[in-house]
């Protein structure tokens, strides 16, 4: 049994079950202890040391998509003009 009274090996079957399971914990530390009792400390530390996760705003992704669409239109114009 985990610290929250749920078996550590119990796997939620739906997203709602997963949501309730996660909500049963008061801290991330308790959740990680339940999920991986042997490596929870390393997992917790890695949350703060991962440098390869970068946040990009929605406007960044929208601008990127628009640039790709405009580039595609430009390529189509070039192909039609025979250049």
Protein backbone atom coordinates (compact mmCIF):
# COMPACT_ATOMS: atom_id res chain seq x y z
CA UNK A 1 0.00 0.00 0.00
CA UNK A 2 1.15 3.49 -0.83
CA UNK A 3 1.15 6.36 1.65
CA UNK A 4 -2.26 7.50 0.41
CA UNK A 5 -3.86 4.11 1.04
CA UNK A 6 -3.84 3.01 -2.59
CA UNK A 7 -1.77 0.04 -3.75
CA UNK A 8 1.42 1.24 -5.43
CA UNK A 9 0.88 -1.15 -8.35
CA UNK A 10 -2.75 -0.25 -9.09
CA UNK A 11 -3.11 1.19 -12.59
CA UNK A 12 -5.95 3.62 -13.37
CA UNK A 13 -8.14 2.49 -16.28
CA UNK A 14 -9.48 5.83 -17.51
CA UNK A 15 -8.35 9.45 -17.52
CA UNK A 16 -10.90 10.20 -14.82
CA UNK A 17 -9.41 7.39 -12.68
CA UNK A 18 -5.93 8.77 -13.27
CA UNK A 19 -7.10 12.25 -12.32
CA UNK A 20 -8.63 10.96 -9.08
CA UNK A 21 -5.49 8.94 -8.31
CA UNK A 22 -3.22 11.94 -8.76
CA UNK A 23 -5.59 14.19 -6.78
CA UNK A 24 -5.36 11.78 -3.83
CA UNK A 25 -1.76 12.88 -3.22
CA UNK A 26 -0.91 16.08 -1.39
CA UNK A 27 2.54 16.57 -2.93
CA UNK A 28 4.53 15.56 -6.00
CA UNK A 29 6.95 13.81 -3.63
CA UNK A 30 4.17 11.52 -2.35
CA UNK A 31 3.05 10.77 -5.91
CA UNK A 32 6.58 9.88 -7.01
CA UNK A 33 7.12 7.73 -3.91
CA UNK A 34 4.01 5.78 -4.79
CA UNK A 35 4.86 5.40 -8.49
CA UNK A 36 8.51 4.43 -8.09
CA UNK A 37 9.54 3.78 -4.48
CA UNK A 38 13.14 2.93 -5.44
CA UNK A 39 13.89 5.95 -7.62
CA UNK A 40 11.51 8.66 -6.43
CA UNK A 41 14.33 10.91 -5.15
CA UNK A 42 16.18 10.85 -8.48
CA UNK A 43 12.89 11.44 -10.31
CA UNK A 44 12.11 14.43 -8.10
CA UNK A 45 15.60 15.86 -8.57
CA UNK A 46 15.43 15.37 -12.33
CA UNK A 47 12.34 17.58 -12.54
CA UNK A 48 14.52 20.51 -11.54
CA UNK A 49 17.65 19.57 -13.51
CA UNK A 50 16.17 18.84 -16.93
CA UNK A 51 17.41 21.59 -19.18
CA UNK A 52 16.17 20.22 -22.50
CA UNK A 53 12.51 21.04 -21.80
CA UNK A 54 11.72 24.49 -23.19
CA UNK A 55 8.45 26.34 -23.11
CA UNK A 56 7.35 27.94 -26.34
CA UNK A 57 4.30 30.14 -26.40
CA UNK A 58 1.25 29.52 -28.55
CA UNK A 59 2.16 32.56 -30.66
CA UNK A 60 5.54 30.96 -31.48
CA UNK A 61 3.85 27.83 -32.81
CA UNK A 62 1.22 29.82 -34.72
CA UNK A 63 3.90 31.99 -36.33
CA UNK A 64 5.86 28.90 -37.29
CA UNK A 65 2.78 27.35 -38.91
CA UNK A 66 2.01 30.58 -40.81
CA UNK A 67 5.59 30.79 -42.10
CA UNK A 68 5.35 27.21 -43.39
CA UNK A 69 2.02 27.94 -45.11
CA UNK A 70 3.40 31.08 -46.75
CA UNK A 71 6.51 29.18 -47.85
CA UNK A 72 4.29 26.54 -49.45
CA UNK A 73 2.35 29.20 -51.35
CA UNK A 74 5.60 30.76 -52.55
CA UNK A 75 6.84 27.36 -53.81
CA UNK A 76 3.56 26.83 -55.67
CA UNK A 77 3.85 30.24 -57.36
CA UNK A 78 7.42 29.50 -58.43
CA UNK A 79 6.40 26.12 -59.82
CA UNK A 80 3.52 27.66 -61.82
CA UNK A 81 5.67 30.44 -63.23
CA UNK A 82 8.27 27.96 -64.49
CA UNK A 83 11.18 29.60 -62.69
